[in-house]
Amino acid sequence: MVTAGSKLKNKLVSICILHFNRFYELINTINKIKDSTYSNFELIVVDNNSDYFDSEKLIELHNSITIKRLPQNIGIAAWNEAFRIARSVSENIVFSNSQ
């Protein structure tokens, strides 16, 4: 198991979260990530055209967040968009979802 202190040593980690219609679970997920002991991370949220999505609320939760709203729900193919964004800024990428 790789721990934050063993291999990463303050390297930037991009945490990609795929989201669809579970906004309050997304907020809970972000809060759990923020509570971790590792602090050098950015969040990338890709929204699959949810019925309700509050970008401003997410920005209030974490100042280093990239939000990509897709014009239609493309399912798990949205991971490709998250990976494309993350790869442009970090070599350390973690995938999660809002469940």
Protein backbone atom coordinates (compact mmCIF):
# COMPACT_ATOMS: atom_id res chain seq x y z
CA MET A 1 0.00 0.00 0.00
CA VAL A 2 1.29 3.43 -0.93
CA THR A 3 0.70 6.06 1.71
CA ALA A 4 0.78 9.79 1.15
CA GLY A 5 4.04 10.15 3.02
CA SER A 6 5.90 7.27 1.41
CA LYS A 7 5.98 7.93 -2.33
CA LEU A 8 4.16 11.15 -3.12
CA LYS A 9 6.06 13.51 -0.79
CA ASN A 10 3.98 16.60 -1.53
CA LYS A 11 3.59 15.97 -5.26
CA LEU A 12 0.41 17.32 -6.75
CA VAL A 13 -2.35 14.72 -6.99
CA SER A 14 -5.31 15.23 -9.31
CA ILE A 15 -8.45 13.66 -7.86
CA CYS A 16 -11.05 13.07 -10.56
CA ILE A 17 -14.68 12.66 -9.55
CA LEU A 18 -17.37 11.59 -11.98
CA HIS A 19 -20.80 12.90 -11.03
CA PHE A 20 -24.44 12.48 -12.04
CA ASN A 21 -27.50 13.63 -10.05
CA ARG A 22 -26.08 13.08 -6.57
CA PHE A 23 -25.02 16.59 -5.62
CA TYR A 24 -25.15 16.18 -1.84
CA GLU A 25 -23.15 12.95 -2.05
CA LEU A 26 -20.63 14.87 -4.15
CA ILE A 27 -20.32 17.50 -1.42
CA ASN A 28 -19.83 14.74 1.14
CA THR A 29 -17.12 13.14 -1.01
CA ILE A 30 -15.29 16.45 -1.38
CA ASN A 31 -15.45 17.08 2.36
CA LYS A 32 -14.03 13.61 3.08
CA ILE A 33 -11.15 14.27 0.67
CA LYS A 34 -10.48 17.62 2.32
CA ASP A 35 -10.33 15.89 5.72
CA SER A 36 -7.46 13.68 4.56
CA THR A 37 -3.92 14.29 5.77
CA TYR A 38 -2.61 14.92 2.26
CA SER A 39 -3.11 18.53 1.22
CA ASN A 40 -1.43 18.98 -2.18
CA PHE A 41 -4.31 18.00 -4.42
CA GLU A 42 -6.65 19.45 -6.97
CA LEU A 43 -10.18 18.30 -7.62
CA ILE A 44 -11.56 17.66 -11.08
CA VAL A 45 -15.32 17.16 -11.19
CA VAL A 46 -16.90 15.99 -14.43
CA ASP A 47 -20.67 16.30 -14.36
CA ASN A 48 -22.67 14.07 -16.71
CA ASN A 49 -25.41 16.66 -17.36
CA SER A 50 -27.11 16.42 -13.97
CA ASP A 51 -30.52 17.94 -13.36
CA TYR A 52 -29.12 19.96 -10.44
CA PHE A 53 -25.52 21.14 -10.19
CA ASP A 54 -24.20 24.16 -8.24
CA SER A 55 -20.70 25.06 -9.44
CA GLU A 56 -20.44 28.01 -7.05
CA LYS A 57 -21.06 25.79 -4.03
CA LEU A 58 -18.25 23.47 -5.13
CA ILE A 59 -15.84 26.37 -5.57
CA GLU A 60 -16.70 27.53 -2.04
CA LEU A 61 -15.77 24.07 -0.73
CA HIS A 62 -12.37 23.87 -2.38
CA ASN A 63 -10.40 26.62 -4.09
CA SER A 64 -8.48 24.29 -6.42
CA ILE A 65 -11.29 22.71 -8.38
CA THR A 66 -11.86 22.25 -12.08
CA ILE A 67 -15.44 21.68 -13.15
CA LYS A 68 -16.44 20.28 -16.52
CA ARG A 69 -20.17 20.04 -17.26
CA LEU A 70 -20.95 17.80 -20.19
CA PRO A 71 -23.84 18.73 -22.51
CA GLN A 72 -25.20 15.18 -22.31
CA ASN A 73 -24.78 12.11 -20.14
CA ILE A 74 -22.13 9.92 -21.73
CA GLY A 75 -21.81 7.50 -18.82
CA ILE A 76 -18.41 6.17 -17.86
CA ALA A 77 -16.90 7.61 -21.03
CA ALA A 78 -16.79 10.86 -19.04
CA TRP A 79 -13.71 9.42 -17.29
CA ASN A 80 -11.85 10.19 -20.52
CA GLU A 81 -12.57 13.89 -20.08
CA ALA A 82 -11.45 13.78 -16.44
CA PHE A 83 -8.23 12.00 -17.41
CA ARG A 84 -7.53 14.51 -20.18
CA ILE A 85 -7.83 17.42 -17.75
CA ALA A 86 -5.79 15.72 -15.01
CA ARG A 87 -3.01 14.62 -17.33
CA SER A 88 -2.40 18.22 -18.37
CA VAL A 89 -1.39 19.23 -14.82
CA SER A 90 -0.33 16.17 -12.85
CA GLU A 91 1.31 12.82 -13.24
CA ASN A 92 -0.44 11.51 -10.10
CA ILE A 93 -4.09 10.82 -10.81
CA VAL A 94 -6.75 9.25 -8.59
CA PHE A 95 -10.28 8.40 -9.72
CA SER A 96 -13.33 8.47 -7.49
CA ASN A 97 -17.06 8.91 -7.77
CA SER A 98 -19.62 10.72 -5.66
CA GLN A 99 -21.16 7.60 -4.12
